[in-house]
């Protein structure tokens, strides 16, 4: 599973960074995503909380 991020629609609610800070973190003003730091289900649950839809899980 891969997680994609569309910064142009991100509302900066912080649900991702607050929910799974080991997976979603800001570095040099860019959102970084490290899917190796949590289970697939934890990541899917966190992505589902994104109010803007900027985060998407992509299978494959």
N, C-alpha and C. Protein backbone atom coordinates (compact mmCIF):
# COMPACT_ATOMS: atom_id res chain seq x y z
N UNK A 1 0.83 -1.18 0.00
CA UNK A 1 0.00 0.00 0.00
C UNK A 1 0.88 1.25 0.00
N UNK A 2 0.44 2.22 -0.76
CA UNK A 2 1.12 3.51 -0.83
C UNK A 2 0.13 4.58 -0.40
N UNK A 3 0.62 5.65 0.20
CA UNK A 3 -0.22 6.78 0.57
C UNK A 3 0.21 7.97 -0.26
N UNK A 4 -0.76 8.60 -0.91
CA UNK A 4 -0.47 9.80 -1.70
C UNK A 4 -0.99 11.02 -0.95
N UNK A 5 -0.40 12.17 -1.25
CA UNK A 5 -0.76 13.42 -0.60
C UNK A 5 -0.87 14.52 -1.63
N UNK A 6 -1.99 15.24 -1.62
CA UNK A 6 -2.20 16.37 -2.51
C UNK A 6 -2.19 17.65 -1.68
N UNK A 7 -1.06 18.31 -1.65
CA UNK A 7 -0.90 19.53 -0.87
C UNK A 7 -1.77 20.68 -1.32
N UNK A 8 -2.24 20.63 -2.55
CA UNK A 8 -3.07 21.73 -3.06
C UNK A 8 -4.48 21.74 -2.46
N UNK A 9 -4.91 20.61 -1.90
CA UNK A 9 -6.23 20.59 -1.27
C UNK A 9 -6.18 20.37 0.24
N UNK A 10 -4.99 20.20 0.77
CA UNK A 10 -4.82 19.97 2.21
C UNK A 10 -5.32 21.18 2.99
N UNK A 11 -6.16 20.93 3.98
CA UNK A 11 -6.69 22.00 4.83
C UNK A 11 -5.86 22.22 6.09
N UNK A 12 -4.77 21.51 6.24
CA UNK A 12 -3.85 21.64 7.39
C UNK A 12 -4.54 21.38 8.73
N UNK A 13 -5.49 20.44 8.73
CA UNK A 13 -6.20 20.10 9.97
C UNK A 13 -5.29 19.37 10.96
N UNK A 14 -4.27 18.69 10.45
CA UNK A 14 -3.31 18.02 11.32
C UNK A 14 -3.76 16.66 11.84
N UNK A 15 -4.83 16.11 11.29
CA UNK A 15 -5.30 14.79 11.74
C UNK A 15 -4.25 13.72 11.50
N UNK A 16 -3.52 13.83 10.43
CA UNK A 16 -2.50 12.83 10.11
C UNK A 16 -1.31 12.93 11.06
N UNK A 17 -0.76 14.12 11.19
CA UNK A 17 0.41 14.33 12.04
C UNK A 17 0.07 14.06 13.50
N UNK A 18 -1.12 14.47 13.91
CA UNK A 18 -1.54 14.24 15.29
C UNK A 18 -1.91 12.79 15.55
N UNK A 19 -2.43 12.12 14.52
CA UNK A 19 -2.88 10.74 14.68
C UNK A 19 -1.77 9.72 14.65
N UNK A 20 -0.86 9.86 13.70
CA UNK A 20 0.27 8.93 13.56
C UNK A 20 1.55 9.72 13.27
N UNK A 21 2.10 10.36 14.29
CA UNK A 21 3.28 11.22 14.06
C UNK A 21 4.53 10.48 13.60
N UNK A 22 4.60 9.17 13.80
CA UNK A 22 5.75 8.41 13.29
C UNK A 22 5.63 8.15 11.80
N UNK A 23 4.40 8.18 11.29
CA UNK A 23 4.15 7.93 9.86
C UNK A 23 4.09 9.24 9.09
N UNK A 24 3.33 10.20 9.63
CA UNK A 24 3.13 11.49 8.97
C UNK A 24 3.83 12.57 9.76
N UNK A 25 4.82 13.21 9.16
CA UNK A 25 5.57 14.25 9.87
C UNK A 25 6.04 15.30 8.87
N UNK A 26 6.26 16.50 9.38
CA UNK A 26 6.68 17.61 8.53
C UNK A 26 8.19 17.77 8.64
N UNK A 27 8.82 17.86 7.49
CA UNK A 27 10.27 18.06 7.41
C UNK A 27 10.53 19.09 6.32
N UNK A 28 11.18 20.18 6.66
CA UNK A 28 11.45 21.26 5.70
C UNK A 28 10.17 21.73 5.00
N UNK A 29 9.11 21.91 5.80
CA UNK A 29 7.80 22.37 5.30
C UNK A 29 7.13 21.42 4.32
N UNK A 30 7.55 20.17 4.27
CA UNK A 30 6.94 19.16 3.41
C UNK A 30 6.42 18.02 4.26
N UNK A 31 5.24 17.51 3.92
CA UNK A 31 4.72 16.34 4.62
C UNK A 31 5.47 15.11 4.15
N UNK A 32 6.03 14.40 5.09
CA UNK A 32 6.73 13.17 4.81
C UNK A 32 5.84 12.01 5.28
N UNK A 33 5.91 10.90 4.57
CA UNK A 33 5.09 9.74 4.89
C UNK A 33 5.98 8.50 4.91
N UNK A 34 6.04 7.84 6.07
CA UNK A 34 6.82 6.62 6.22
C UNK A 34 5.87 5.49 6.64
N UNK A 35 5.37 4.75 5.67
CA UNK A 35 4.37 3.72 5.95
C UNK A 35 4.94 2.51 6.69
N UNK A 36 6.23 2.45 6.89
CA UNK A 36 6.83 1.33 7.61
C UNK A 36 6.68 1.48 9.13
N UNK A 37 6.18 2.60 9.59
CA UNK A 37 6.14 2.89 11.02
C UNK A 37 4.81 2.54 11.70
N UNK A 38 3.86 1.97 10.97
CA UNK A 38 2.57 1.57 11.55
C UNK A 38 1.97 0.48 10.69
N UNK A 39 0.96 -0.16 11.21
CA UNK A 39 0.29 -1.22 10.44
C UNK A 39 -0.54 -0.59 9.32
N UNK A 40 -0.83 -1.40 8.32
CA UNK A 40 -1.63 -0.92 7.21
C UNK A 40 -3.00 -0.45 7.70
N UNK A 41 -3.60 -1.17 8.63
CA UNK A 41 -4.92 -0.78 9.13
C UNK A 41 -4.87 0.54 9.89
N UNK A 42 -3.83 0.74 10.70
CA UNK A 42 -3.67 2.01 11.42
C UNK A 42 -3.55 3.18 10.44
N UNK A 43 -2.79 2.97 9.38
CA UNK A 43 -2.61 4.02 8.37
C UNK A 43 -3.91 4.28 7.64
N UNK A 44 -4.61 3.24 7.24
CA UNK A 44 -5.90 3.41 6.56
C UNK A 44 -6.90 4.16 7.45
N UNK A 45 -6.93 3.82 8.72
CA UNK A 45 -7.83 4.50 9.65
C UNK A 45 -7.48 5.98 9.77
N UNK A 46 -6.20 6.29 9.83
CA UNK A 46 -5.76 7.68 9.94
C UNK A 46 -6.08 8.45 8.65
N UNK A 47 -5.80 7.86 7.51
CA UNK A 47 -6.09 8.50 6.22
C UNK A 47 -7.58 8.77 6.08
N UNK A 48 -8.40 7.88 6.59
CA UNK A 48 -9.86 8.05 6.52
C UNK A 48 -10.33 9.26 7.32
N UNK A 49 -9.51 9.73 8.27
CA UNK A 49 -9.85 10.88 9.09
C UNK A 49 -9.49 12.21 8.43
N UNK A 50 -8.84 12.18 7.29
CA UNK A 50 -8.41 13.41 6.61
C UNK A 50 -9.65 14.15 6.10
N UNK A 51 -9.96 15.32 6.65
CA UNK A 51 -11.20 16.01 6.28
C UNK A 51 -11.20 16.58 4.86
N UNK A 52 -10.04 16.86 4.31
CA UNK A 52 -9.98 17.45 2.96
C UNK A 52 -9.88 16.42 1.86
N UNK A 53 -9.52 15.19 2.21
CA UNK A 53 -9.30 14.16 1.20
C UNK A 53 -7.94 14.27 0.53
N UNK A 54 -7.03 15.02 1.15
CA UNK A 54 -5.69 15.20 0.58
C UNK A 54 -4.86 13.92 0.64
N UNK A 55 -5.19 13.05 1.57
CA UNK A 55 -4.49 11.77 1.70
C UNK A 55 -5.34 10.67 1.10
N UNK A 56 -4.70 9.77 0.36
CA UNK A 56 -5.37 8.63 -0.25
C UNK A 56 -4.49 7.39 -0.10
N UNK A 57 -5.11 6.26 0.16
CA UNK A 57 -4.40 4.98 0.15
C UNK A 57 -4.54 4.38 -1.25
N UNK A 58 -3.42 3.93 -1.79
CA UNK A 58 -3.39 3.34 -3.11
C UNK A 58 -2.86 1.93 -2.97
N UNK A 59 -3.65 0.95 -3.37
CA UNK A 59 -3.22 -0.44 -3.32
C UNK A 59 -2.40 -0.77 -4.56
N UNK A 60 -1.44 -1.66 -4.37
CA UNK A 60 -0.70 -2.08 -5.54
C UNK A 60 0.73 -2.31 -5.35
